[in-house]
């Protein structure tokens, strides 16, 4: 397991899939997630950037999220409605004072590697996300730089 994941998921399983969000720009890219697959994903910087957290520890993790449809969330929302806007025009929205979520700015400037943990059995993705975010918080004393709010498990 990657060191930055192992730092707070040491007893957890390996990711079920890993890729870069920018890969969706390639028309021949075959995503390792399909429609309606449920799970949690962790997006991290690929350029070596590590964000410093309140307790002085550093991590390349930008965002931790969950979805009831991983493909739709990662491709249609995070890539098409977020990151692709900046890839197509790095000044997107500035002239109209439109603001993209900060996570997309981090993904654009520092990379967008995705590690996916698919649901297994009856596992609830919202609860899994809550556990992973809590472990991240316990390790770094803050949420990842791109998360705006903490997750509440069901």
C-alpha atoms as a PDB file:
ATOM      1  CA  UNK A   1       0.000   0.000   0.000  1.00  0.00           C
ATOM      2  CA  UNK A   2       1.172   3.544  -0.723  1.00  0.00           C
ATOM      3  CA  UNK A   3       2.845   5.171   2.268  1.00  0.00           C
ATOM      4  CA  UNK A   4       0.483   8.155   2.321  1.00  0.00           C
ATOM      5  CA  UNK A   5      -2.519   5.800   2.577  1.00  0.00           C
ATOM      6  CA  UNK A   6      -0.822   3.500   5.057  1.00  0.00           C
ATOM      7  CA  UNK A   7      -0.208   6.442   7.395  1.00  0.00           C
ATOM      8  CA  UNK A   8      -3.891   6.445   8.369  1.00  0.00           C
ATOM      9  CA  UNK A   9      -5.289   3.225   6.835  1.00  0.00           C
ATOM     10  CA  UNK A  10      -2.606   0.849   8.094  1.00  0.00           C
ATOM     11  CA  UNK A  11      -5.059  -1.951   8.879  1.00  0.00           C
ATOM     12  CA  UNK A  12      -7.154  -1.463   5.762  1.00  0.00           C
ATOM     13  CA  UNK A  13      -7.238  -3.310   2.452  1.00  0.00           C
ATOM     14  CA  UNK A  14      -5.475  -2.302  -0.739  1.00  0.00           C
ATOM     15  CA  UNK A  15      -7.287  -0.002  -3.183  1.00  0.00           C
ATOM     16  CA  UNK A  16      -9.505  -1.830  -5.678  1.00  0.00           C
ATOM     17  CA  UNK A  17      -8.540   0.597  -8.457  1.00  0.00           C
ATOM     18  CA  UNK A  18      -6.077   3.445  -9.055  1.00  0.00           C
ATOM     19  CA  UNK A  19      -5.866   5.954 -11.900  1.00  0.00           C
ATOM     20  CA  UNK A  20      -5.580   9.676 -12.653  1.00  0.00           C
ATOM     21  CA  UNK A  21      -8.701  11.798 -13.179  1.00  0.00           C
ATOM     22  CA  UNK A  22      -6.961  13.420 -16.156  1.00  0.00           C
ATOM     23  CA  UNK A  23      -7.087  10.015 -17.877  1.00  0.00           C
ATOM     24  CA  UNK A  24     -10.764  10.702 -18.627  1.00  0.00           C
ATOM     25  CA  UNK A  25      -9.532  13.255 -21.185  1.00  0.00           C
ATOM     26  CA  UNK A  26      -8.229  10.348 -23.299  1.00  0.00           C
ATOM     27  CA  UNK A  27     -11.170   9.034 -25.350  1.00  0.00           C
ATOM     28  CA  UNK A  28      -9.680   5.499 -25.291  1.00  0.00           C
ATOM     29  CA  UNK A  29      -9.359   5.420 -21.491  1.00  0.00           C
ATOM     30  CA  UNK A  30     -11.135   2.462 -19.925  1.00  0.00           C
ATOM     31  CA  UNK A  31     -11.940   3.457 -16.355  1.00  0.00           C
ATOM     32  CA  UNK A  32     -11.401   0.738 -13.725  1.00  0.00           C
ATOM     33  CA  UNK A  33     -14.776   1.671 -12.196  1.00  0.00           C
ATOM     34  CA  UNK A  34     -18.194   1.132 -13.743  1.00  0.00           C
ATOM     35  CA  UNK A  35     -21.587   2.744 -13.434  1.00  0.00           C
ATOM     36  CA  UNK A  36     -23.429   2.010 -10.197  1.00  0.00           C
ATOM     37  CA  UNK A  37     -20.368   0.698  -8.322  1.00  0.00           C
ATOM     38  CA  UNK A  38     -20.479   2.005  -4.758  1.00  0.00           C
ATOM     39  CA  UNK A  39     -17.489   3.030  -2.704  1.00  0.00           C
ATOM     40  CA  UNK A  40     -15.018   5.571  -1.382  1.00  0.00           C
ATOM     41  CA  UNK A  41     -12.274   7.339  -3.303  1.00  0.00           C
ATOM     42  CA  UNK A  42      -9.184   9.235  -2.209  1.00  0.00           C
ATOM     43  CA  UNK A  43      -7.673  11.866  -4.508  1.00  0.00           C
ATOM     44  CA  UNK A  44      -4.042  12.865  -4.028  1.00  0.00           C
ATOM     45  CA  UNK A  45      -1.467  15.148  -5.644  1.00  0.00           C
ATOM     46  CA  UNK A  46       0.834  13.593  -8.223  1.00  0.00           C
ATOM     47  CA  UNK A  47       3.510  16.294  -8.432  1.00  0.00           C
ATOM     48  CA  UNK A  48       5.124  15.594  -5.053  1.00  0.00           C
ATOM     49  CA  UNK A  49       3.147  18.279  -3.230  1.00  0.00           C
ATOM     50  CA  UNK A  50       2.363  17.512   0.399  1.00  0.00           C
ATOM     51  CA  UNK A  51      -0.010  19.701   2.362  1.00  0.00           C
ATOM     52  CA  UNK A  52       0.992  20.616   5.917  1.00  0.00           C
ATOM     53  CA  UNK A  53      -1.657  19.970   8.549  1.00  0.00           C
ATOM     54  CA  UNK A  54      -2.124  21.551  12.008  1.00  0.00           C
ATOM     55  CA  UNK A  55      -0.008  18.973  13.844  1.00  0.00           C
ATOM     56  CA  UNK A  56       2.892  19.470  11.402  1.00  0.00           C
ATOM     57  CA  UNK A  57       2.360  16.200   9.537  1.00  0.00           C
ATOM     58  CA  UNK A  58       2.219  16.320   5.742  1.00  0.00           C
ATOM     59  CA  UNK A  59       0.127  14.419   3.186  1.00  0.00           C
ATOM     60  CA  UNK A  60      -0.477  14.574  -0.598  1.00  0.00           C
ATOM     61  CA  UNK A  61      -4.173  13.789  -0.090  1.00  0.00           C
ATOM     62  CA  UNK A  62      -6.503  16.411  -1.537  1.00  0.00           C
ATOM     63  CA  UNK A  63      -9.958  14.924  -1.046  1.00  0.00           C
ATOM     64  CA  UNK A  64     -11.817  11.915   0.348  1.00  0.00           C
ATOM     65  CA  UNK A  65     -15.313  11.223  -0.964  1.00  0.00           C
ATOM     66  CA  UNK A  66     -17.924   8.529  -1.515  1.00  0.00           C
ATOM     67  CA  UNK A  67     -20.487   7.749  -4.143  1.00  0.00           C
ATOM     68  CA  UNK A  68     -23.345   5.406  -4.888  1.00  0.00           C
ATOM     69  CA  UNK A  69     -22.123   5.597  -8.534  1.00  0.00           C
ATOM     70  CA  UNK A  70     -18.328   5.917  -8.629  1.00  0.00           C
ATOM     71  CA  UNK A  71     -18.085   6.287 -12.409  1.00  0.00           C
ATOM     72  CA  UNK A  72     -20.657   9.092 -12.543  1.00  0.00           C
ATOM     73  CA  UNK A  73     -19.149  10.914  -9.596  1.00  0.00           C
ATOM     74  CA  UNK A  74     -15.537  10.665 -10.761  1.00  0.00           C
ATOM     75  CA  UNK A  75     -16.063  11.227 -14.488  1.00  0.00           C
ATOM     76  CA  UNK A  76     -19.162  13.379 -14.806  1.00  0.00           C
ATOM     77  CA  UNK A  77     -18.805  15.484 -11.687  1.00  0.00           C
ATOM     78  CA  UNK A  78     -15.164  15.627 -10.586  1.00  0.00           C
ATOM     79  CA  UNK A  79     -13.688  15.482 -14.086  1.00  0.00           C
ATOM     80  CA  UNK A  80     -16.220  17.048 -16.473  1.00  0.00           C
ATOM     81  CA  UNK A  81     -17.831  19.641 -14.192  1.00  0.00           C
ATOM     82  CA  UNK A  82     -14.664  20.410 -12.234  1.00  0.00           C
ATOM     83  CA  UNK A  83     -11.161  19.552 -13.385  1.00  0.00           C
ATOM     84  CA  UNK A  84     -11.853  19.617 -17.166  1.00  0.00           C
ATOM     85  CA  UNK A  85     -13.035  23.216 -16.955  1.00  0.00           C
ATOM     86  CA  UNK A  86      -9.574  24.219 -15.737  1.00  0.00           C
ATOM     87  CA  UNK A  87      -7.768  21.909 -18.162  1.00  0.00           C
ATOM     88  CA  UNK A  88      -9.663  23.582 -21.023  1.00  0.00           C
ATOM     89  CA  UNK A  89      -9.216  27.111 -19.630  1.00  0.00           C
ATOM     90  CA  UNK A  90      -7.047  27.737 -16.552  1.00  0.00           C
ATOM     91  CA  UNK A  91      -8.793  31.102 -16.046  1.00  0.00           C
ATOM     92  CA  UNK A  92     -12.279  29.526 -16.101  1.00  0.00           C
ATOM     93  CA  UNK A  93     -14.896  31.625 -14.335  1.00  0.00           C
ATOM     94  CA  UNK A  94     -12.604  34.428 -13.173  1.00  0.00           C
ATOM     95  CA  UNK A  95     -14.113  37.035 -15.513  1.00  0.00           C
ATOM     96  CA  UNK A  96     -17.602  36.295 -14.115  1.00  0.00           C
ATOM     97  CA  UNK A  97     -16.455  35.733 -10.527  1.00  0.00           C
ATOM     98  CA  UNK A  98     -17.547  32.080 -10.686  1.00  0.00           C
ATOM     99  CA  UNK A  99     -15.675  29.871  -8.289  1.00  0.00           C
ATOM    100  CA  UNK A 100     -14.977  26.164  -8.596  1.00  0.00           C
ATOM    101  CA  UNK A 101     -14.549  24.183  -5.390  1.00  0.00           C
ATOM    102  CA  UNK A 102     -10.975  24.488  -4.163  1.00  0.00           C
ATOM    103  CA  UNK A 103     -10.440  20.734  -4.612  1.00  0.00           C
ATOM    104  CA  UNK A 104     -10.457  21.237  -8.405  1.00  0.00           C
ATOM    105  CA  UNK A 105      -7.803  23.941  -8.176  1.00  0.00           C
ATOM    106  CA  UNK A 106      -5.621  21.547  -6.146  1.00  0.00           C
ATOM    107  CA  UNK A 107      -6.268  18.740  -8.669  1.00  0.00           C
ATOM    108  CA  UNK A 108      -5.390  21.048 -11.569  1.00  0.00           C
ATOM    109  CA  UNK A 109      -2.187  22.455 -10.085  1.00  0.00           C
ATOM    110  CA  UNK A 110      -0.944  19.433  -8.099  1.00  0.00           C
ATOM    111  CA  UNK A 111      -2.373  16.357  -9.855  1.00  0.00           C
ATOM    112  CA  UNK A 112      -5.340  14.078  -9.415  1.00  0.00           C
ATOM    113  CA  UNK A 113      -4.421  10.487  -8.601  1.00  0.00           C
ATOM    114  CA  UNK A 114      -7.445   8.440  -7.470  1.00  0.00           C
ATOM    115  CA  UNK A 115      -7.444   5.370  -5.217  1.00  0.00           C
ATOM    116  CA  UNK A 116     -10.825   3.627  -5.096  1.00  0.00           C
ATOM    117  CA  UNK A 117     -12.153   1.335  -2.375  1.00  0.00           C
ATOM    118  CA  UNK A 118     -15.291  -0.366  -3.679  1.00  0.00           C
ATOM    119  CA  UNK A 119     -18.061  -1.489  -1.375  1.00  0.00           C
ATOM    120  CA  UNK A 120     -17.893  -5.091  -0.335  1.00  0.00           C
ATOM    121  CA  UNK A 121     -21.098  -6.912   0.470  1.00  0.00           C
ATOM    122  CA  UNK A 122     -23.644  -4.877   2.417  1.00  0.00           C
ATOM    123  CA  UNK A 123     -21.015  -2.304   3.476  1.00  0.00           C
ATOM    124  CA  UNK A 124     -22.433   1.230   3.540  1.00  0.00           C
ATOM    125  CA  UNK A 125     -20.256   3.670   1.540  1.00  0.00           C
ATOM    126  CA  UNK A 126     -21.292   6.653   3.689  1.00  0.00           C
ATOM    127  CA  UNK A 127     -20.201   4.820   6.832  1.00  0.00           C
ATOM    128  CA  UNK A 128     -16.912   3.739   5.189  1.00  0.00           C
ATOM    129  CA  UNK A 129     -16.262   7.347   4.122  1.00  0.00           C
ATOM    130  CA  UNK A 130     -16.958   8.531   7.661  1.00  0.00           C
ATOM    131  CA  UNK A 131     -14.500   5.987   9.095  1.00  0.00           C
ATOM    132  CA  UNK A 132     -11.760   6.924   6.592  1.00  0.00           C
ATOM    133  CA  UNK A 133     -12.253  10.667   7.136  1.00  0.00           C
ATOM    134  CA  UNK A 134     -12.153  10.138  10.894  1.00  0.00           C
ATOM    135  CA  UNK A 135      -8.902   8.168  10.615  1.00  0.00           C
ATOM    136  CA  UNK A 136      -7.425  10.933   8.458  1.00  0.00           C
ATOM    137  CA  UNK A 137      -8.539  13.539  10.999  1.00  0.00           C
ATOM    138  CA  UNK A 138      -7.092  11.552  13.920  1.00  0.00           C
ATOM    139  CA  UNK A 139      -3.745  11.327  12.106  1.00  0.00           C
ATOM    140  CA  UNK A 140      -3.501  14.913  10.746  1.00  0.00           C
ATOM    141  CA  UNK A 141      -5.902  16.842  13.038  1.00  0.00           C
ATOM    142  CA  UNK A 142      -7.792  18.243  10.048  1.00  0.00           C
ATOM    143  CA  UNK A 143      -9.787  17.110   7.035  1.00  0.00           C
ATOM    144  CA  UNK A 144      -8.023  16.925   3.654  1.00  0.00           C
ATOM    145  CA  UNK A 145      -7.502  20.353   2.034  1.00  0.00           C
ATOM    146  CA  UNK A 146     -10.279  19.773  -0.535  1.00  0.00           C
ATOM    147  CA  UNK A 147     -12.961  18.559   1.877  1.00  0.00           C
ATOM    148  CA  UNK A 148     -15.313  21.294   2.964  1.00  0.00           C
ATOM    149  CA  UNK A 149     -17.186  19.371   5.643  1.00  0.00           C
ATOM    150  CA  UNK A 150     -16.891  16.166   7.583  1.00  0.00           C
ATOM    151  CA  UNK A 151     -18.940  13.125   6.789  1.00  0.00           C
ATOM    152  CA  UNK A 152     -21.662  11.832   9.039  1.00  0.00           C
ATOM    153  CA  UNK A 153     -22.123   8.083   8.987  1.00  0.00           C
ATOM    154  CA  UNK A 154     -25.589   6.657   8.883  1.00  0.00           C
END
